[in-house]
Amino acid sequence: MGDTATDSRDPDCLFCRIVAGEIPSERVHEDDQVIAFKDLHPQAAVHVLVVPREHRRDVRELAERPELLGHVASVAEDIASDLGDGDFRLIFNTGESAGQTVFHVHAHVLAGGPLAEGEM
């Protein structure tokens, strides 16, 4: 496989397979750039993952496409407004020691009630 920052899909990537519809997910948003689906192990009343359709390893690679990074943040805001009270926490785990377990960039949107400082 070539440079993952420029390849649009990695056939071995869990999130690429979810984006392609090969693995089911509970989608709450989708457009031509991203999909968003409920986390299987929610850490808040609202816990949604926003995943670019384009395979990028982490937020450092996503930052090479600032317009896509901005779109991820905008979709996160819409999800927090639609499913919560509009306030939200946006988290990108970047690297294994930071808790990243799927190496396809994804933003965790946490909302729907008070989130204590220091919790995910």
N, C-alpha and C. Protein backbone atom coordinates (compact mmCIF):
# COMPACT_ATOMS: atom_id res chain seq x y z
N MET A 1 0.85 -1.18 0.00
CA MET A 1 0.00 0.00 0.00
C MET A 1 0.88 1.22 0.00
N GLY A 2 0.45 2.28 -0.62
CA GLY A 2 1.23 3.50 -0.73
C GLY A 2 1.13 4.37 0.50
N ASP A 3 1.35 5.64 0.32
CA ASP A 3 1.31 6.63 1.39
C ASP A 3 -0.12 6.77 1.90
N THR A 4 -0.36 6.41 3.17
CA THR A 4 -1.71 6.41 3.70
C THR A 4 -2.32 7.80 3.75
N ALA A 5 -1.49 8.83 3.73
CA ALA A 5 -2.04 10.19 3.76
C ALA A 5 -2.73 10.53 2.44
N THR A 6 -2.35 9.85 1.36
CA THR A 6 -2.94 10.20 0.08
C THR A 6 -3.86 9.11 -0.46
N ASP A 7 -3.77 7.89 0.06
CA ASP A 7 -4.67 6.83 -0.39
C ASP A 7 -6.06 7.13 0.17
N SER A 8 -7.08 6.89 -0.62
CA SER A 8 -8.42 7.20 -0.15
C SER A 8 -9.00 6.09 0.73
N ARG A 9 -8.46 4.88 0.64
CA ARG A 9 -9.02 3.76 1.40
C ARG A 9 -7.95 2.71 1.66
N ASP A 10 -7.97 2.15 2.87
CA ASP A 10 -7.09 1.05 3.24
C ASP A 10 -7.99 -0.16 3.47
N PRO A 11 -7.88 -1.21 2.65
CA PRO A 11 -8.79 -2.35 2.77
C PRO A 11 -8.68 -3.10 4.10
N ASP A 12 -7.60 -2.90 4.84
CA ASP A 12 -7.43 -3.56 6.14
C ASP A 12 -7.87 -2.68 7.30
N CYS A 13 -8.32 -1.47 7.02
CA CYS A 13 -8.68 -0.52 8.07
C CYS A 13 -10.15 -0.68 8.48
N LEU A 14 -10.39 -0.84 9.78
CA LEU A 14 -11.74 -1.00 10.31
C LEU A 14 -12.64 0.16 9.88
N PHE A 15 -12.16 1.40 10.05
CA PHE A 15 -13.02 2.54 9.73
C PHE A 15 -13.22 2.71 8.23
N CYS A 16 -12.24 2.35 7.41
CA CYS A 16 -12.46 2.37 5.96
C CYS A 16 -13.57 1.38 5.60
N ARG A 17 -13.60 0.26 6.28
CA ARG A 17 -14.64 -0.75 6.02
C ARG A 17 -16.01 -0.25 6.50
N ILE A 18 -16.05 0.48 7.62
CA ILE A 18 -17.31 1.07 8.09
C ILE A 18 -17.78 2.14 7.10
N VAL A 19 -16.86 2.99 6.65
CA VAL A 19 -17.20 4.03 5.66
C VAL A 19 -17.79 3.38 4.41
N ALA A 20 -17.20 2.27 3.98
CA ALA A 20 -17.66 1.58 2.77
C ALA A 20 -18.97 0.82 2.97
N GLY A 21 -19.44 0.72 4.22
CA GLY A 21 -20.67 0.00 4.49
C GLY A 21 -20.48 -1.50 4.64
N GLU A 22 -19.23 -1.96 4.68
CA GLU A 22 -18.96 -3.39 4.85
C GLU A 22 -19.21 -3.85 6.28
N ILE A 23 -19.09 -2.93 7.22
CA ILE A 23 -19.35 -3.21 8.63
C ILE A 23 -20.44 -2.24 9.07
N PRO A 24 -21.49 -2.73 9.69
CA PRO A 24 -22.59 -1.84 10.08
C PRO A 24 -22.20 -0.87 11.19
N SER A 25 -22.85 0.29 11.18
CA SER A 25 -22.69 1.29 12.23
C SER A 25 -24.00 2.05 12.36
N GLU A 26 -24.19 2.65 13.52
CA GLU A 26 -25.39 3.46 13.74
C GLU A 26 -25.07 4.90 13.36
N ARG A 27 -25.23 5.20 12.08
CA ARG A 27 -24.86 6.51 11.54
C ARG A 27 -25.84 7.58 11.97
N VAL A 28 -25.28 8.73 12.33
CA VAL A 28 -26.11 9.88 12.69
C VAL A 28 -25.90 11.02 11.71
N HIS A 29 -24.88 10.91 10.86
CA HIS A 29 -24.61 11.93 9.84
C HIS A 29 -23.74 11.28 8.77
N GLU A 30 -23.97 11.70 7.54
CA GLU A 30 -23.02 11.37 6.47
C GLU A 30 -23.16 12.38 5.36
N ASP A 31 -22.02 12.70 4.76
CA ASP A 31 -21.98 13.58 3.60
C ASP A 31 -20.84 13.10 2.72
N ASP A 32 -20.45 13.89 1.74
CA ASP A 32 -19.43 13.42 0.81
C ASP A 32 -18.02 13.40 1.42
N GLN A 33 -17.82 14.00 2.60
CA GLN A 33 -16.49 14.06 3.19
C GLN A 33 -16.32 13.21 4.45
N VAL A 34 -17.39 13.05 5.23
CA VAL A 34 -17.30 12.34 6.51
C VAL A 34 -18.54 11.49 6.75
N ILE A 35 -18.38 10.54 7.67
CA ILE A 35 -19.53 9.88 8.27
C ILE A 35 -19.39 10.07 9.78
N ALA A 36 -20.50 9.98 10.48
CA ALA A 36 -20.49 10.05 11.94
C ALA A 36 -21.41 8.95 12.45
N PHE A 37 -20.92 8.23 13.44
CA PHE A 37 -21.70 7.12 13.99
C PHE A 37 -21.48 7.02 15.49
N LYS A 38 -22.45 6.39 16.16
CA LYS A 38 -22.40 6.24 17.61
C LYS A 38 -21.28 5.29 18.00
N ASP A 39 -20.54 5.66 19.04
CA ASP A 39 -19.47 4.82 19.58
C ASP A 39 -20.09 3.58 20.23
N LEU A 40 -19.46 2.43 20.03
CA LEU A 40 -19.97 1.18 20.60
C LEU A 40 -19.82 1.14 22.12
N HIS A 41 -18.90 1.92 22.67
CA HIS A 41 -18.65 1.96 24.12
C HIS A 41 -18.68 3.40 24.59
N PRO A 42 -19.89 3.99 24.65
CA PRO A 42 -19.99 5.43 24.92
C PRO A 42 -19.44 5.83 26.29
N GLN A 43 -18.77 6.98 26.30
CA GLN A 43 -18.20 7.54 27.51
C GLN A 43 -19.00 8.76 27.99
N ALA A 44 -20.09 9.07 27.31
CA ALA A 44 -20.97 10.19 27.65
C ALA A 44 -22.35 9.89 27.08
N ALA A 45 -23.34 10.69 27.47
CA ALA A 45 -24.71 10.49 26.96
C ALA A 45 -24.72 10.51 25.43
N VAL A 46 -23.96 11.42 24.85
CA VAL A 46 -23.75 11.47 23.40
C VAL A 46 -22.27 11.19 23.17
N HIS A 47 -21.96 10.12 22.46
CA HIS A 47 -20.57 9.80 22.10
C HIS A 47 -20.60 9.30 20.67
N VAL A 48 -20.18 10.18 19.78
CA VAL A 48 -20.22 9.93 18.34
C VAL A 48 -18.82 10.09 17.79
N LEU A 49 -18.47 9.25 16.82
CA LEU A 49 -17.20 9.37 16.12
C LEU A 49 -17.44 10.02 14.77
N VAL A 50 -16.66 11.05 14.45
CA VAL A 50 -16.71 11.68 13.14
C VAL A 50 -15.46 11.20 12.40
N VAL A 51 -15.68 10.54 11.26
CA VAL A 51 -14.61 9.86 10.54
C VAL A 51 -14.57 10.37 9.09
N PRO A 52 -13.45 10.93 8.67
CA PRO A 52 -13.33 11.29 7.25
C PRO A 52 -13.42 10.06 6.37
N ARG A 53 -14.05 10.20 5.23
CA ARG A 53 -14.11 9.08 4.28
C ARG A 53 -12.72 8.75 3.76
N GLU A 54 -11.89 9.76 3.63
CA GLU A 54 -10.51 9.62 3.15
C GLU A 54 -9.64 9.06 4.28
N HIS A 55 -8.86 8.04 3.99
CA HIS A 55 -8.01 7.45 5.02
C HIS A 55 -6.83 8.38 5.32
N ARG A 56 -6.77 8.80 6.56
CA ARG A 56 -5.65 9.55 7.12
C ARG A 56 -5.36 8.90 8.47
N ARG A 57 -4.12 8.68 8.79
CA ARG A 57 -3.75 7.93 9.99
C ARG A 57 -4.18 8.62 11.28
N ASP A 58 -3.94 9.91 11.39
CA ASP A 58 -4.22 10.61 12.64
C ASP A 58 -4.45 12.09 12.36
N VAL A 59 -4.67 12.87 13.42
CA VAL A 59 -5.00 14.28 13.24
C VAL A 59 -3.83 15.06 12.65
N ARG A 60 -2.61 14.59 12.84
CA ARG A 60 -1.46 15.26 12.20
C ARG A 60 -1.60 15.18 10.68
N GLU A 61 -1.99 14.01 10.17
CA GLU A 61 -2.19 13.88 8.72
C GLU A 61 -3.45 14.61 8.27
N LEU A 62 -4.47 14.64 9.11
CA LEU A 62 -5.69 15.38 8.77
C LEU A 62 -5.40 16.88 8.66
N ALA A 63 -4.48 17.37 9.47
CA ALA A 63 -4.13 18.80 9.44
C ALA A 63 -3.52 19.22 8.10
N GLU A 64 -3.04 18.25 7.32
CA GLU A 64 -2.56 18.55 5.97
C GLU A 64 -3.70 18.97 5.05
N ARG A 65 -4.94 18.69 5.47
CA ARG A 65 -6.15 19.09 4.74
C ARG A 65 -6.99 19.97 5.67
N PRO A 66 -6.59 21.22 5.91
CA PRO A 66 -7.27 22.05 6.90
C PRO A 66 -8.77 22.21 6.64
N GLU A 67 -9.17 22.20 5.38
CA GLU A 67 -10.61 22.33 5.09
C GLU A 67 -11.38 21.10 5.57
N LEU A 68 -10.77 19.93 5.48
CA LEU A 68 -11.41 18.71 5.97
C LEU A 68 -11.43 18.69 7.50
N LEU A 69 -10.35 19.12 8.13
CA LEU A 69 -10.31 19.23 9.58
C LEU A 69 -11.39 20.19 10.07
N GLY A 70 -11.55 21.31 9.37
CA GLY A 70 -12.61 22.26 9.72
C GLY A 70 -13.99 21.66 9.56
N HIS A 71 -14.16 20.86 8.53
CA HIS A 71 -15.46 20.21 8.30
C HIS A 71 -15.77 19.21 9.42
N VAL A 72 -14.76 18.48 9.87
CA VAL A 72 -14.95 17.54 10.99
C VAL A 72 -15.45 18.31 12.21
N ALA A 73 -14.82 19.45 12.50
CA ALA A 73 -15.23 20.26 13.66
C ALA A 73 -16.64 20.80 13.49
N SER A 74 -17.00 21.22 12.29
CA SER A 74 -18.34 21.74 12.02
C SER A 74 -19.40 20.65 12.18
N VAL A 75 -19.11 19.45 11.70
CA VAL A 75 -20.04 18.33 11.85
C VAL A 75 -20.18 17.99 13.34
N ALA A 76 -19.09 18.04 14.08
CA ALA A 76 -19.14 17.78 15.53
C ALA A 76 -20.08 18.77 16.20
N GLU A 77 -19.99 20.03 15.83
CA GLU A 77 -20.88 21.05 16.40
C GLU A 77 -22.34 20.75 16.08
N ASP A 78 -22.61 20.37 14.85
CA ASP A 78 -23.99 20.04 14.45
C ASP A 78 -24.52 18.85 15.24
N ILE A 79 -23.69 17.83 15.43
CA ILE A 79 -24.10 16.65 16.18
C ILE A 79 -24.41 17.02 17.62
N ALA A 80 -23.56 17.82 18.24
CA ALA A 80 -23.78 18.25 19.62
C ALA A 80 -25.07 19.04 19.75
N SER A 81 -25.39 19.84 18.76
CA SER A 81 -26.65 20.60 18.78
C SER A 81 -27.85 19.70 18.55
N ASP A 82 -27.72 18.75 17.62
CA ASP A 82 -28.84 17.86 17.29
C ASP A 82 -29.12 16.84 18.38
N LEU A 83 -28.07 16.29 19.00
CA LEU A 83 -28.24 15.19 19.94
C LEU A 83 -28.05 15.60 21.40
N GLY A 84 -27.53 16.79 21.62
CA GLY A 84 -27.28 17.27 22.98
C GLY A 84 -27.72 18.71 23.12
N ASP A 85 -27.08 19.42 24.04
CA ASP A 85 -27.46 20.81 24.30
C ASP A 85 -26.60 21.82 23.55
N GLY A 86 -25.73 21.34 22.67
CA GLY A 86 -24.88 22.22 21.89
C GLY A 86 -23.47 22.33 22.42
N ASP A 87 -23.26 22.05 23.71
CA ASP A 87 -21.92 22.04 24.27
C ASP A 87 -21.30 20.67 24.02
N PHE A 88 -20.00 20.64 23.78
CA PHE A 88 -19.37 19.36 23.48
C PHE A 88 -17.88 19.40 23.73
N ARG A 89 -17.32 18.22 23.85
CA ARG A 89 -15.88 18.03 23.91
C ARG A 89 -15.49 17.29 22.64
N LEU A 90 -14.41 17.72 22.01
CA LEU A 90 -13.93 17.10 20.78
C LEU A 90 -12.52 16.57 21.05
N ILE A 91 -12.34 15.26 20.86
CA ILE A 91 -11.08 14.61 21.20
C ILE A 91 -10.54 13.84 19.99
N PHE A 92 -9.25 14.04 19.72
CA PHE A 92 -8.52 13.23 18.75
C PHE A 92 -7.41 12.50 19.52
N ASN A 93 -7.50 11.20 19.64
CA ASN A 93 -6.39 10.43 20.20
C ASN A 93 -5.38 10.25 19.08
N THR A 94 -4.12 10.59 19.35
CA THR A 94 -3.10 10.58 18.30
C THR A 94 -1.90 9.77 18.77
N GLY A 95 -1.83 8.53 18.31
CA GLY A 95 -0.74 7.64 18.68
C GLY A 95 -1.20 6.62 19.71
N GLU A 96 -0.53 5.50 19.69
CA GLU A 96 -0.91 4.38 20.56
C GLU A 96 -0.86 4.76 22.04
N SER A 97 0.19 5.46 22.48
CA SER A 97 0.29 5.79 23.90
C SER A 97 -0.72 6.85 24.32
N ALA A 98 -1.35 7.50 23.35
CA ALA A 98 -2.40 8.48 23.65
C ALA A 98 -3.79 7.85 23.59
N GLY A 99 -3.85 6.54 23.37
CA GLY A 99 -5.13 5.84 23.37
C GLY A 99 -5.73 5.58 22.00
N GLN A 100 -5.01 5.91 20.92
CA GLN A 100 -5.55 5.64 19.59
C GLN A 100 -5.45 4.13 19.34
N THR A 101 -6.59 3.52 19.02
CA THR A 101 -6.63 2.08 18.77
C THR A 101 -6.96 1.75 17.32
N VAL A 102 -7.61 2.67 16.61
CA VAL A 102 -7.87 2.51 15.18
C VAL A 102 -7.11 3.62 14.49
N PHE A 103 -6.21 3.25 13.58
CA PHE A 103 -5.32 4.23 12.97
C PHE A 103 -5.89 4.75 11.66
N HIS A 104 -7.10 5.30 11.80
CA HIS A 104 -7.80 6.09 10.78
C HIS A 104 -8.35 7.24 11.61
N VAL A 105 -7.94 8.45 11.31
CA VAL A 105 -8.30 9.58 12.15
C VAL A 105 -9.80 9.62 12.41
N HIS A 106 -10.14 9.92 13.66
CA HIS A 106 -11.54 10.05 14.04
C HIS A 106 -11.62 10.98 15.24
N ALA A 107 -12.65 11.79 15.24
CA ALA A 107 -12.90 12.71 16.33
C ALA A 107 -14.00 12.15 17.21
N HIS A 108 -13.75 12.12 18.51
CA HIS A 108 -14.78 11.73 19.47
C HIS A 108 -15.55 12.98 19.85
N VAL A 109 -16.86 12.96 19.65
CA VAL A 109 -17.74 14.05 20.08
C VAL A 109 -18.45 13.56 21.33
N LEU A 110 -18.19 14.23 22.45
CA LEU A 110 -18.82 13.89 23.72
C LEU A 110 -19.72 15.06 24.12
N ALA A 111 -20.98 14.75 24.42
CA ALA A 111 -21.94 15.81 24.74
C ALA A 111 -23.10 15.20 25.52
N GLY A 112 -24.10 16.02 25.77
CA GLY A 112 -25.32 15.52 26.38
C GLY A 112 -25.35 15.55 27.89
N GLY A 113 -24.59 16.44 28.49
CA GLY A 113 -24.58 16.57 29.95
C GLY A 113 -23.24 17.03 30.43
N PRO A 114 -23.15 17.26 31.73
CA PRO A 114 -21.87 17.74 32.28
C PRO A 114 -20.74 16.74 32.08
N LEU A 115 -19.60 17.23 31.66
CA LEU A 115 -18.39 16.42 31.50
C LEU A 115 -17.35 17.00 32.45
N ALA A 116 -16.94 16.21 33.43
CA ALA A 116 -15.98 16.70 34.40
C ALA A 116 -14.60 16.85 33.75
N GLU A 117 -13.88 17.87 34.17
CA GLU A 117 -12.50 18.05 33.72
C GLU A 117 -11.71 16.83 34.13
N GLY A 118 -10.88 16.34 33.23
CA GLY A 118 -10.06 15.18 33.54
C GLY A 118 -10.67 13.85 33.10
N GLU A 119 -11.97 13.83 32.82
CA GLU A 119 -12.58 12.63 32.26
C GLU A 119 -12.38 12.66 30.75
N MET A 120 -12.50 11.50 30.12
CA MET A 120 -12.28 11.46 28.67
C MET A 120 -12.93 12.63 28.07
